[in-house]
N, C-alpha and C. Protein backbone atom coordinates (compact mmCIF):
# COMPACT_ATOMS: atom_id res chain seq x y z
N ASN A 1 6.43 24.93 21.71
CA ASN A 1 7.25 24.79 22.91
C ASN A 1 8.69 25.18 22.59
N LEU A 2 9.32 25.82 23.52
CA LEU A 2 10.72 26.20 23.36
C LEU A 2 11.54 25.42 24.37
N ASN A 3 12.74 24.99 23.94
CA ASN A 3 13.63 24.35 24.90
C ASN A 3 14.51 25.42 25.54
N GLY A 4 15.45 25.00 26.34
CA GLY A 4 16.28 25.94 27.10
C GLY A 4 17.06 26.94 26.27
N ASN A 5 17.46 26.61 25.04
CA ASN A 5 18.25 27.54 24.23
C ASN A 5 17.39 28.34 23.25
N GLY A 6 16.08 28.29 23.38
CA GLY A 6 15.20 29.11 22.56
C GLY A 6 14.76 28.46 21.26
N ASN A 7 15.19 27.23 20.98
CA ASN A 7 14.77 26.55 19.75
C ASN A 7 13.38 25.96 19.93
N LEU A 8 12.66 25.95 18.85
CA LEU A 8 11.31 25.40 18.87
C LEU A 8 11.38 23.87 18.89
N VAL A 9 10.66 23.25 19.79
CA VAL A 9 10.62 21.80 19.90
C VAL A 9 9.21 21.35 19.56
N VAL A 10 9.10 20.44 18.62
CA VAL A 10 7.80 19.94 18.19
C VAL A 10 7.57 18.59 18.85
N ALA A 11 6.42 18.42 19.47
CA ALA A 11 6.08 17.15 20.11
C ALA A 11 5.64 16.16 19.05
N ARG A 12 6.13 14.94 19.14
CA ARG A 12 5.73 13.89 18.20
C ARG A 12 4.41 13.28 18.63
N ALA A 13 3.61 12.95 17.66
CA ALA A 13 2.37 12.24 17.94
C ALA A 13 2.70 10.79 18.25
N GLU A 14 1.87 10.16 19.06
CA GLU A 14 2.11 8.75 19.36
C GLU A 14 1.89 7.91 18.12
N GLY A 15 2.70 6.91 17.96
CA GLY A 15 2.57 6.03 16.80
C GLY A 15 3.87 5.28 16.61
N ASN A 16 3.96 4.54 15.52
CA ASN A 16 5.18 3.79 15.26
C ASN A 16 6.17 4.64 14.47
N ALA A 17 7.30 4.05 14.11
CA ALA A 17 8.36 4.80 13.44
C ALA A 17 7.91 5.36 12.09
N ALA A 18 6.95 4.72 11.47
CA ALA A 18 6.46 5.19 10.17
C ALA A 18 5.50 6.37 10.35
N GLY A 19 5.21 6.71 11.59
CA GLY A 19 4.32 7.83 11.85
C GLY A 19 2.85 7.46 11.73
N GLN A 20 2.57 6.18 11.74
CA GLN A 20 1.18 5.75 11.59
C GLN A 20 0.66 5.23 12.92
N ASN A 21 -0.56 5.53 13.19
CA ASN A 21 -1.22 5.02 14.37
C ASN A 21 -1.57 3.55 14.10
N GLY A 22 -1.50 2.71 15.11
CA GLY A 22 -1.78 1.29 14.95
C GLY A 22 -3.17 0.98 14.42
N ASN A 23 -4.10 1.92 14.54
CA ASN A 23 -5.46 1.70 14.05
C ASN A 23 -5.57 1.88 12.55
N HIS A 24 -4.56 2.42 11.91
CA HIS A 24 -4.65 2.72 10.49
C HIS A 24 -3.87 1.76 9.61
N ILE A 25 -3.21 0.78 10.19
CA ILE A 25 -2.47 -0.17 9.36
C ILE A 25 -3.29 -1.45 9.22
N TRP A 26 -3.22 -2.03 8.02
CA TRP A 26 -4.00 -3.22 7.70
C TRP A 26 -3.09 -4.34 7.25
N CYS A 27 -3.47 -5.55 7.56
CA CYS A 27 -2.77 -6.74 7.09
C CYS A 27 -3.42 -7.20 5.80
N TYR A 28 -2.63 -7.31 4.74
CA TYR A 28 -3.17 -7.76 3.45
C TYR A 28 -3.34 -9.28 3.42
N ASN A 29 -2.86 -9.98 4.43
CA ASN A 29 -3.00 -11.42 4.49
C ASN A 29 -4.35 -11.82 5.10
N CYS A 30 -4.62 -11.34 6.32
CA CYS A 30 -5.84 -11.73 7.02
C CYS A 30 -6.88 -10.61 7.09
N ARG A 31 -6.55 -9.46 6.55
CA ARG A 31 -7.41 -8.26 6.56
C ARG A 31 -7.62 -7.74 7.98
N GLY A 32 -6.72 -8.11 8.89
CA GLY A 32 -6.81 -7.64 10.27
C GLY A 32 -6.27 -6.22 10.40
N VAL A 33 -6.57 -5.59 11.51
CA VAL A 33 -6.15 -4.22 11.77
C VAL A 33 -5.03 -4.25 12.80
N GLY A 34 -4.05 -3.36 12.63
CA GLY A 34 -3.03 -3.17 13.65
C GLY A 34 -1.72 -3.89 13.41
N HIS A 35 -1.59 -4.61 12.31
CA HIS A 35 -0.31 -5.26 12.00
C HIS A 35 -0.16 -5.39 10.49
N TYR A 36 1.07 -5.58 10.06
CA TYR A 36 1.38 -5.77 8.65
C TYR A 36 1.40 -7.26 8.32
N ALA A 37 1.29 -7.58 7.03
CA ALA A 37 1.28 -8.98 6.60
C ALA A 37 2.54 -9.71 7.04
N ARG A 38 3.68 -9.03 7.02
CA ARG A 38 4.93 -9.70 7.41
C ARG A 38 4.93 -10.10 8.88
N ASN A 39 4.09 -9.47 9.70
CA ASN A 39 3.99 -9.79 11.13
C ASN A 39 2.77 -10.64 11.45
N CYS A 40 2.04 -11.07 10.44
CA CYS A 40 0.80 -11.81 10.64
C CYS A 40 1.11 -13.23 11.11
N ILE A 41 0.34 -13.70 12.09
CA ILE A 41 0.55 -15.06 12.59
C ILE A 41 -0.31 -16.08 11.85
N ILE A 42 -1.24 -15.59 11.02
CA ILE A 42 -2.09 -16.48 10.23
C ILE A 42 -1.37 -16.81 8.93
N ARG A 43 -1.35 -18.09 8.58
CA ARG A 43 -0.65 -18.50 7.36
C ARG A 43 -1.33 -17.91 6.14
N PRO A 44 -0.55 -17.49 5.14
CA PRO A 44 -1.16 -16.94 3.93
C PRO A 44 -2.01 -17.97 3.21
N LYS A 45 -3.08 -17.51 2.59
CA LYS A 45 -3.95 -18.41 1.84
C LYS A 45 -3.26 -18.78 0.53
N ARG A 46 -3.46 -20.01 0.15
CA ARG A 46 -2.86 -20.49 -1.09
C ARG A 46 -3.71 -20.08 -2.27
N ARG A 47 -3.12 -19.49 -3.25
CA ARG A 47 -3.86 -19.01 -4.42
C ARG A 47 -3.33 -19.71 -5.67
N ASP A 48 -3.47 -21.03 -5.70
CA ASP A 48 -2.98 -21.78 -6.85
C ASP A 48 -4.03 -21.76 -7.98
N ALA A 49 -3.71 -22.37 -9.09
CA ALA A 49 -4.57 -22.34 -10.28
C ALA A 49 -5.93 -22.97 -10.00
N ALA A 50 -5.98 -24.07 -9.26
CA ALA A 50 -7.24 -24.74 -8.98
C ALA A 50 -8.15 -23.84 -8.13
N TYR A 51 -7.57 -23.17 -7.15
CA TYR A 51 -8.34 -22.26 -6.30
C TYR A 51 -8.92 -21.13 -7.14
N LEU A 52 -8.10 -20.52 -7.98
CA LEU A 52 -8.55 -19.41 -8.81
C LEU A 52 -9.62 -19.85 -9.81
N HIS A 53 -9.47 -21.06 -10.35
CA HIS A 53 -10.47 -21.59 -11.28
C HIS A 53 -11.81 -21.79 -10.57
N THR A 54 -11.77 -22.32 -9.37
CA THR A 54 -13.00 -22.52 -8.59
C THR A 54 -13.68 -21.18 -8.32
N GLN A 55 -12.90 -20.17 -7.94
CA GLN A 55 -13.46 -18.85 -7.67
C GLN A 55 -14.09 -18.26 -8.93
N LEU A 56 -13.45 -18.49 -10.08
CA LEU A 56 -13.99 -17.99 -11.34
C LEU A 56 -15.33 -18.65 -11.66
N LEU A 57 -15.42 -19.97 -11.49
CA LEU A 57 -16.66 -20.69 -11.76
C LEU A 57 -17.79 -20.21 -10.84
N ILE A 58 -17.47 -19.99 -9.57
CA ILE A 58 -18.47 -19.50 -8.62
C ILE A 58 -18.97 -18.12 -9.04
N ALA A 59 -18.05 -17.25 -9.43
CA ALA A 59 -18.43 -15.89 -9.86
C ALA A 59 -19.30 -15.94 -11.11
N GLN A 60 -18.96 -16.84 -12.04
CA GLN A 60 -19.75 -16.97 -13.27
C GLN A 60 -21.16 -17.48 -12.97
N LYS A 61 -21.27 -18.45 -12.05
CA LYS A 61 -22.58 -18.96 -11.66
C LYS A 61 -23.41 -17.86 -11.02
N GLU A 62 -22.79 -17.11 -10.14
CA GLU A 62 -23.50 -16.03 -9.45
C GLU A 62 -23.98 -14.97 -10.44
N GLU A 63 -23.13 -14.63 -11.40
CA GLU A 63 -23.49 -13.65 -12.42
C GLU A 63 -24.65 -14.13 -13.29
N ALA A 64 -24.68 -15.43 -13.58
CA ALA A 64 -25.73 -16.00 -14.42
C ALA A 64 -27.03 -16.22 -13.65
N GLY A 65 -27.01 -15.97 -12.34
CA GLY A 65 -28.22 -16.12 -11.54
C GLY A 65 -28.48 -17.54 -11.09
N ILE A 66 -27.49 -18.41 -11.19
CA ILE A 66 -27.63 -19.81 -10.76
C ILE A 66 -27.47 -19.87 -9.25
N GLN A 67 -28.37 -20.61 -8.60
CA GLN A 67 -28.33 -20.74 -7.15
C GLN A 67 -27.05 -21.46 -6.72
N LEU A 68 -26.32 -20.86 -5.80
CA LEU A 68 -25.08 -21.47 -5.32
C LEU A 68 -25.38 -22.45 -4.19
N GLN A 69 -24.54 -23.47 -4.06
CA GLN A 69 -24.66 -24.42 -2.97
C GLN A 69 -23.97 -23.84 -1.74
N ALA A 70 -24.27 -24.39 -0.58
CA ALA A 70 -23.72 -23.89 0.68
C ALA A 70 -22.19 -23.89 0.66
N GLU A 71 -21.61 -24.94 0.10
CA GLU A 71 -20.14 -25.04 0.03
C GLU A 71 -19.55 -23.90 -0.81
N GLU A 72 -20.25 -23.53 -1.87
CA GLU A 72 -19.78 -22.45 -2.73
C GLU A 72 -19.85 -21.10 -2.01
N TYR A 73 -20.88 -20.91 -1.20
CA TYR A 73 -20.97 -19.69 -0.40
C TYR A 73 -19.79 -19.62 0.58
N TYR A 74 -19.46 -20.77 1.16
CA TYR A 74 -18.34 -20.83 2.10
C TYR A 74 -17.03 -20.47 1.39
N LEU A 75 -16.82 -21.02 0.20
CA LEU A 75 -15.60 -20.73 -0.56
C LEU A 75 -15.53 -19.26 -0.96
N MET A 76 -16.68 -18.68 -1.27
CA MET A 76 -16.73 -17.27 -1.63
C MET A 76 -16.36 -16.40 -0.42
N ALA A 77 -16.87 -16.75 0.74
CA ALA A 77 -16.62 -15.97 1.95
C ALA A 77 -15.17 -16.08 2.38
N ALA A 78 -14.54 -17.22 2.12
CA ALA A 78 -13.15 -17.43 2.53
C ALA A 78 -12.18 -16.68 1.63
N ALA A 79 -12.62 -16.22 0.49
CA ALA A 79 -11.72 -15.55 -0.46
C ALA A 79 -11.32 -14.18 -0.02
């Protein structure tokens, strides 16, 4: 496209200032689509030492072929 003085004008694609479409941005907090972690309304998950230790034990049980309890499956899914 040319403007009135003969210069080439390029049309911008729809999106945000970073040039990204809202469908391509991910939240690292809730794994949601369309927003960044800094704009997330869900509180960040706490990753303290006890939580990490529990996750490690669950992973070790699963690797060893030990049947997990329902609560452990829930904790795994929440991670």
